[in-house]
Amino acid sequence: MSVIKVVELLSNSKKSWEDATATAIKRASKSINNIRSANVSNMSVTVKNGKINEYRVSLKVTFEVSS
């Protein structure tokens, strides 16, 4: 029987939501083993001078807890 844990992460990028998501997964995988999936639950942007300044994502990452 597997035990799955969920952690919520926040990430940002100057490029895109996809880049913000990839950055979060890459960074999390340095300290979390066995990542199985990620669910992006919220996307937002910051605006500066009428242009998108930063893309932000909130995601829930699931991983298997080793016994």
PDB file of N, CA and C in Angstrom:
ATOM      1  N   MET A   1       0.843  -1.174   0.000  1.00  0.00           N
ATOM      2  CA  MET A   1       0.000   0.000   0.000  1.00  0.00           C
ATOM      3  C   MET A   1       0.889   1.237   0.000  1.00  0.00           C
ATOM      4  N   SER A   2       0.561   2.183  -0.854  1.00  0.00           N
ATOM      5  CA  SER A   2       1.320   3.429  -0.950  1.00  0.00           C
ATOM      6  C   SER A   2       0.694   4.517  -0.101  1.00  0.00           C
ATOM      7  N   VAL A   3       1.540   5.380   0.413  1.00  0.00           N
ATOM      8  CA  VAL A   3       1.083   6.573   1.112  1.00  0.00           C
ATOM      9  C   VAL A   3       1.544   7.758   0.290  1.00  0.00           C
ATOM     10  N   ILE A   4       0.598   8.626  -0.060  1.00  0.00           N
ATOM     11  CA  ILE A   4       0.883   9.788  -0.893  1.00  0.00           C
ATOM     12  C   ILE A   4       0.744  11.050  -0.040  1.00  0.00           C
ATOM     13  N   LYS A   5       1.689  11.953  -0.185  1.00  0.00           N
ATOM     14  CA  LYS A   5       1.652  13.227   0.537  1.00  0.00           C
ATOM     15  C   LYS A   5       1.471  14.344  -0.475  1.00  0.00           C
ATOM     16  N   VAL A   6       0.816  15.426  -0.065  1.00  0.00           N
ATOM     17  CA  VAL A   6       0.582  16.581  -0.929  1.00  0.00           C
ATOM     18  C   VAL A   6       1.175  17.818  -0.268  1.00  0.00           C
ATOM     19  N   VAL A   7       1.947  18.571  -1.040  1.00  0.00           N
ATOM     20  CA  VAL A   7       2.471  19.858  -0.556  1.00  0.00           C
ATOM     21  C   VAL A   7       2.066  20.945  -1.554  1.00  0.00           C
ATOM     22  N   GLU A   8       1.827  22.128  -1.039  1.00  0.00           N
ATOM     23  CA  GLU A   8       1.459  23.245  -1.906  1.00  0.00           C
ATOM     24  C   GLU A   8       2.680  24.131  -2.123  1.00  0.00           C
ATOM     25  N   LEU A   9       2.905  24.495  -3.369  1.00  0.00           N
ATOM     26  CA  LEU A   9       4.043  25.327  -3.742  1.00  0.00           C
ATOM     27  C   LEU A   9       3.572  26.574  -4.469  1.00  0.00           C
ATOM     28  N   LEU A  10       4.316  27.642  -4.328  1.00  0.00           N
ATOM     29  CA  LEU A  10       4.091  28.871  -5.079  1.00  0.00           C
ATOM     30  C   LEU A  10       5.353  29.153  -5.878  1.00  0.00           C
ATOM     31  N   SER A  11       5.175  29.569  -7.123  1.00  0.00           N
ATOM     32  CA  SER A  11       6.332  29.831  -7.976  1.00  0.00           C
ATOM     33  C   SER A  11       6.029  31.008  -8.901  1.00  0.00           C
ATOM     34  N   ASN A  12       7.077  31.625  -9.413  1.00  0.00           N
ATOM     35  CA  ASN A  12       6.893  32.742 -10.331  1.00  0.00           C
ATOM     36  C   ASN A  12       7.914  32.682 -11.462  1.00  0.00           C
ATOM     37  N   SER A  13       7.612  33.406 -12.543  1.00  0.00           N
ATOM     38  CA  SER A  13       8.496  33.447 -13.704  1.00  0.00           C
ATOM     39  C   SER A  13       8.234  34.726 -14.483  1.00  0.00           C
ATOM     40  N   LYS A  14       9.242  35.240 -15.119  1.00  0.00           N
ATOM     41  CA  LYS A  14       9.090  36.387 -16.012  1.00  0.00           C
ATOM     42  C   LYS A  14       8.615  35.934 -17.397  1.00  0.00           C
ATOM     43  N   LYS A  15       8.730  34.605 -17.696  1.00  0.00           N
ATOM     44  CA  LYS A  15       8.440  34.084 -19.038  1.00  0.00           C
ATOM     45  C   LYS A  15       6.992  33.649 -19.239  1.00  0.00           C
ATOM     46  N   SER A  16       6.518  32.708 -18.380  1.00  0.00           N
ATOM     47  CA  SER A  16       5.193  32.122 -18.602  1.00  0.00           C
ATOM     48  C   SER A  16       4.744  31.324 -17.387  1.00  0.00           C
ATOM     49  N   TRP A  17       3.453  30.937 -17.409  1.00  0.00           N
ATOM     50  CA  TRP A  17       2.949  30.059 -16.351  1.00  0.00           C
ATOM     51  C   TRP A  17       3.614  28.697 -16.437  1.00  0.00           C
ATOM     52  N   GLU A  18       3.852  28.227 -17.669  1.00  0.00           N
ATOM     53  CA  GLU A  18       4.506  26.931 -17.846  1.00  0.00           C
ATOM     54  C   GLU A  18       5.908  26.936 -17.246  1.00  0.00           C
ATOM     55  N   ASP A  19       6.630  28.023 -17.450  1.00  0.00           N
ATOM     56  CA  ASP A  19       7.976  28.136 -16.890  1.00  0.00           C
ATOM     57  C   ASP A  19       7.924  28.193 -15.367  1.00  0.00           C
ATOM     58  N   ALA A  20       6.946  28.897 -14.819  1.00  0.00           N
ATOM     59  CA  ALA A  20       6.796  28.964 -13.365  1.00  0.00           C
ATOM     60  C   ALA A  20       6.520  27.575 -12.792  1.00  0.00           C
ATOM     61  N   THR A  21       5.681  26.791 -13.492  1.00  0.00           N
ATOM     62  CA  THR A  21       5.374  25.431 -13.053  1.00  0.00           C
ATOM     63  C   THR A  21       6.609  24.545 -13.134  1.00  0.00           C
ATOM     64  N   ALA A  22       7.317  24.604 -14.256  1.00  0.00           N
ATOM     65  CA  ALA A  22       8.527  23.791 -14.431  1.00  0.00           C
ATOM     66  C   ALA A  22       9.583  24.139 -13.391  1.00  0.00           C
ATOM     67  N   THR A  23       9.704  25.420 -13.077  1.00  0.00           N
ATOM     68  CA  THR A  23      10.662  25.868 -12.070  1.00  0.00           C
ATOM     69  C   THR A  23      10.311  25.290 -10.698  1.00  0.00           C
ATOM     70  N   ALA A  24       9.026  25.293 -10.363  1.00  0.00           N
ATOM     71  CA  ALA A  24       8.597  24.745  -9.068  1.00  0.00           C
ATOM     72  C   ALA A  24       8.915  23.261  -8.967  1.00  0.00           C
ATOM     73  N   ILE A  25       8.628  22.504 -10.031  1.00  0.00           N
ATOM     74  CA  ILE A  25       8.881  21.060 -10.020  1.00  0.00           C
ATOM     75  C   ILE A  25      10.380  20.777  -9.944  1.00  0.00           C
ATOM     76  N   LYS A  26      11.153  21.505 -10.722  1.00  0.00           N
ATOM     77  CA  LYS A  26      12.605  21.303 -10.728  1.00  0.00           C
ATOM     78  C   LYS A  26      13.193  21.576  -9.351  1.00  0.00           C
ATOM     79  N   ARG A  27      12.768  22.655  -8.740  1.00  0.00           N
ATOM     80  CA  ARG A  27      13.290  23.026  -7.422  1.00  0.00           C
ATOM     81  C   ARG A  27      12.834  22.043  -6.346  1.00  0.00           C
ATOM     82  N   ALA A  28      11.549  21.652  -6.406  1.00  0.00           N
ATOM     83  CA  ALA A  28      11.017  20.726  -5.406  1.00  0.00           C
ATOM     84  C   ALA A  28      11.696  19.362  -5.502  1.00  0.00           C
ATOM     85  N   SER A  29      12.036  18.935  -6.714  1.00  0.00           N
ATOM     86  CA  SER A  29      12.638  17.611  -6.883  1.00  0.00           C
ATOM     87  C   SER A  29      14.040  17.511  -6.286  1.00  0.00           C
ATOM     88  N   LYS A  30      14.624  18.647  -5.919  1.00  0.00           N
ATOM     89  CA  LYS A  30      15.928  18.617  -5.244  1.00  0.00           C
ATOM     90  C   LYS A  30      15.809  18.109  -3.810  1.00  0.00           C
ATOM     91  N   SER A  31      14.640  18.312  -3.197  1.00  0.00           N
ATOM     92  CA  SER A  31      14.476  17.875  -1.805  1.00  0.00           C
ATOM     93  C   SER A  31      13.333  16.885  -1.612  1.00  0.00           C
ATOM     94  N   ILE A  32      12.499  16.692  -2.643  1.00  0.00           N
ATOM     95  CA  ILE A  32      11.383  15.745  -2.554  1.00  0.00           C
ATOM     96  C   ILE A  32      11.601  14.638  -3.575  1.00  0.00           C
ATOM     97  N   ASN A  33      11.633  13.397  -3.097  1.00  0.00           N
ATOM     98  CA  ASN A  33      11.773  12.244  -3.988  1.00  0.00           C
ATOM     99  C   ASN A  33      10.399  11.707  -4.368  1.00  0.00           C
ATOM    100  N   ASN A  34      10.356  10.987  -5.473  1.00  0.00           N
ATOM    101  CA  ASN A  34       9.154  10.272  -5.910  1.00  0.00           C
ATOM    102  C   ASN A  34       7.964  11.174  -6.216  1.00  0.00           C
ATOM    103  N   ILE A  35       8.208  12.355  -6.814  1.00  0.00           N
ATOM    104  CA  ILE A  35       7.099  13.216  -7.226  1.00  0.00           C
ATOM    105  C   ILE A  35       6.305  12.485  -8.300  1.00  0.00           C
ATOM    106  N   ARG A  36       4.991  12.442  -8.112  1.00  0.00           N
ATOM    107  CA  ARG A  36       4.120  11.728  -9.043  1.00  0.00           C
ATOM    108  C   ARG A  36       3.304  12.648  -9.924  1.00  0.00           C
ATOM    109  N   SER A  37       2.843  13.773  -9.387  1.00  0.00           N
ATOM    110  CA  SER A  37       1.992  14.660 -10.178  1.00  0.00           C
ATOM    111  C   SER A  37       1.977  16.060  -9.571  1.00  0.00           C
ATOM    112  N   ALA A  38       1.452  16.980 -10.372  1.00  0.00           N
ATOM    113  CA  ALA A  38       1.262  18.351  -9.898  1.00  0.00           C
ATOM    114  C   ALA A  38      -0.054  18.866 -10.457  1.00  0.00           C
ATOM    115  N   ASN A  39      -0.808  19.541  -9.625  1.00  0.00           N
ATOM    116  CA  ASN A  39      -2.080  20.124 -10.024  1.00  0.00           C
ATOM    117  C   ASN A  39      -1.989  21.632  -9.830  1.00  0.00           C
ATOM    118  N   VAL A  40      -2.028  22.372 -10.929  1.00  0.00           N
ATOM    119  CA  VAL A  40      -1.985  23.834 -10.841  1.00  0.00           C
ATOM    120  C   VAL A  40      -3.373  24.303 -10.424  1.00  0.00           C
ATOM    121  N   SER A  41      -3.467  24.880  -9.242  1.00  0.00           N
ATOM    122  CA  SER A  41      -4.765  25.277  -8.708  1.00  0.00           C
ATOM    123  C   SER A  41      -5.081  26.753  -8.917  1.00  0.00           C
ATOM    124  N   ASN A  42      -4.061  27.546  -9.226  1.00  0.00           N
ATOM    125  CA  ASN A  42      -4.303  28.976  -9.423  1.00  0.00           C
ATOM    126  C   ASN A  42      -3.197  29.566 -10.283  1.00  0.00           C
ATOM    127  N   MET A  43      -3.580  30.446 -11.186  1.00  0.00           N
ATOM    128  CA  MET A  43      -2.615  31.178 -12.011  1.00  0.00           C
ATOM    129  C   MET A  43      -2.963  32.660 -11.906  1.00  0.00           C
ATOM    130  N   SER A  44      -1.934  33.494 -11.794  1.00  0.00           N
ATOM    131  CA  SER A  44      -2.157  34.935 -11.738  1.00  0.00           C
ATOM    132  C   SER A  44      -0.955  35.651 -12.342  1.00  0.00           C
ATOM    133  N   VAL A  45      -1.109  36.941 -12.556  1.00  0.00           N
ATOM    134  CA  VAL A  45      -0.010  37.753 -13.072  1.00  0.00           C
ATOM    135  C   VAL A  45       0.079  39.037 -12.261  1.00  0.00           C
ATOM    136  N   THR A  46       1.262  39.635 -12.279  1.00  0.00           N
ATOM    137  CA  THR A  46       1.398  40.991 -11.780  1.00  0.00           C
ATOM    138  C   THR A  46       1.561  41.890 -13.005  1.00  0.00           C
ATOM    139  N   VAL A  47       1.080  43.105 -12.892  1.00  0.00           N
ATOM    140  CA  VAL A  47       1.091  44.027 -14.023  1.00  0.00           C
ATOM    141  C   VAL A  47       1.869  45.279 -13.641  1.00  0.00           C
ATOM    142  N   LYS A  48       2.705  45.726 -14.568  1.00  0.00           N
ATOM    143  CA  LYS A  48       3.483  46.939 -14.358  1.00  0.00           C
ATOM    144  C   LYS A  48       3.441  47.757 -15.645  1.00  0.00           C
ATOM    145  N   ASN A  49       3.038  48.991 -15.546  1.00  0.00           N
ATOM    146  CA  ASN A  49       2.941  49.895 -16.692  1.00  0.00           C
ATOM    147  C   ASN A  49       2.108  49.307 -17.829  1.00  0.00           C
ATOM    148  N   GLY A  50       1.020  48.634 -17.480  1.00  0.00           N
ATOM    149  CA  GLY A  50       0.114  48.089 -18.475  1.00  0.00           C
ATOM    150  C   GLY A  50       0.578  46.807 -19.149  1.00  0.00           C
ATOM    151  N   LYS A  51       1.661  46.207 -18.654  1.00  0.00           N
ATOM    152  CA  LYS A  51       2.178  44.968 -19.246  1.00  0.00           C
ATOM    153  C   LYS A  51       2.370  43.924 -18.151  1.00  0.00           C
ATOM    154  N   ILE A  52       2.293  42.660 -18.555  1.00  0.00           N
ATOM    155  CA  ILE A  52       2.529  41.576 -17.591  1.00  0.00           C
ATOM    156  C   ILE A  52       3.974  41.630 -17.131  1.00  0.00           C
ATOM    157  N   ASN A  53       4.141  41.687 -15.837  1.00  0.00           N
ATOM    158  CA  ASN A  53       5.472  41.767 -15.240  1.00  0.00           C
ATOM    159  C   ASN A  53       5.964  40.395 -14.773  1.00  0.00           C
ATOM    160  N   GLU A  54       5.024  39.580 -14.257  1.00  0.00           N
ATOM    161  CA  GLU A  54       5.414  38.303 -13.679  1.00  0.00           C
ATOM    162  C   GLU A  54       4.234  37.339 -13.695  1.00  0.00           C
ATOM    163  N   TYR A  55       4.508  36.082 -14.038  1.00  0.00           N
ATOM    164  CA  TYR A  55       3.512  35.013 -14.008  1.00  0.00           C
ATOM    165  C   TYR A  55       3.677  34.252 -12.700  1.00  0.00           C
ATOM    166  N   ARG A  56       2.548  33.928 -12.055  1.00  0.00           N
ATOM    167  CA  ARG A  56       2.595  33.217 -10.778  1.00  0.00           C
ATOM    168  C   ARG A  56       1.671  32.013 -10.811  1.00  0.00           C
ATOM    169  N   VAL A  57       2.103  30.923 -10.202  1.00  0.00           N
ATOM    170  CA  VAL A  57       1.274  29.723 -10.091  1.00  0.00           C
ATOM    171  C   VAL A  57       1.274  29.206  -8.660  1.00  0.00           C
ATOM    172  N   SER A  58       0.170  28.609  -8.302  1.00  0.00           N
ATOM    173  CA  SER A  58       0.037  27.875  -7.050  1.00  0.00           C
ATOM    174  C   SER A  58      -0.267  26.448  -7.465  1.00  0.00           C
ATOM    175  N   LEU A  59       0.531  25.501  -6.986  1.00  0.00           N
ATOM    176  CA  LEU A  59       0.312  24.119  -7.388  1.00  0.00           C
ATOM    177  C   LEU A  59       0.449  23.169  -6.211  1.00  0.00           C
ATOM    178  N   LYS A  60      -0.254  22.055  -6.324  1.00  0.00           N
ATOM    179  CA  LYS A  60      -0.175  20.998  -5.322  1.00  0.00           C
ATOM    180  C   LYS A  60       0.590  19.846  -5.946  1.00  0.00           C
ATOM    181  N   VAL A  61       1.662  19.458  -5.278  1.00  0.00           N
ATOM    182  CA  VAL A  61       2.542  18.398  -5.762  1.00  0.00           C
ATOM    183  C   VAL A  61       2.307  17.158  -4.897  1.00  0.00           C
ATOM    184  N   THR A  62       2.111  16.022  -5.546  1.00  0.00           N
ATOM    185  CA  THR A  62       1.931  14.771  -4.813  1.00  0.00           C
ATOM    186  C   THR A  62       3.171  13.895  -4.986  1.00  0.00           C
ATOM    187  N   PHE A  63       3.526  13.222  -3.918  1.00  0.00           N
ATOM    188  CA  PHE A  63       4.678  12.317  -3.972  1.00  0.00           C
ATOM    189  C   PHE A  63       4.452  11.152  -3.009  1.00  0.00           C
ATOM    190  N   GLU A  64       5.098  10.037  -3.345  1.00  0.00           N
ATOM    191  CA  GLU A  64       4.969   8.847  -2.521  1.00  0.00           C
ATOM    192  C   GLU A  64       5.927   8.931  -1.339  1.00  0.00           C
ATOM    193  N   VAL A  65       5.412   8.648  -0.164  1.00  0.00           N
ATOM    194  CA  VAL A  65       6.227   8.622   1.045  1.00  0.00           C
ATOM    195  C   VAL A  65       6.850   7.235   1.146  1.00  0.00           C
ATOM    196  N   SER A  66       8.174   7.185   1.247  1.00  0.00           N
ATOM    197  CA  SER A  66       8.839   5.886   1.345  1.00  0.00           C
ATOM    198  C   SER A  66       8.703   5.330   2.756  1.00  0.00           C
ATOM    199  N   SER A  67       8.633   4.031   2.819  1.00  0.00           N
ATOM    200  CA  SER A  67       8.458   3.376   4.123  1.00  0.00           C
ATOM    201  C   SER A  67       9.765   3.025   4.767  1.00  0.00           C
TER     202      SER A  67
END
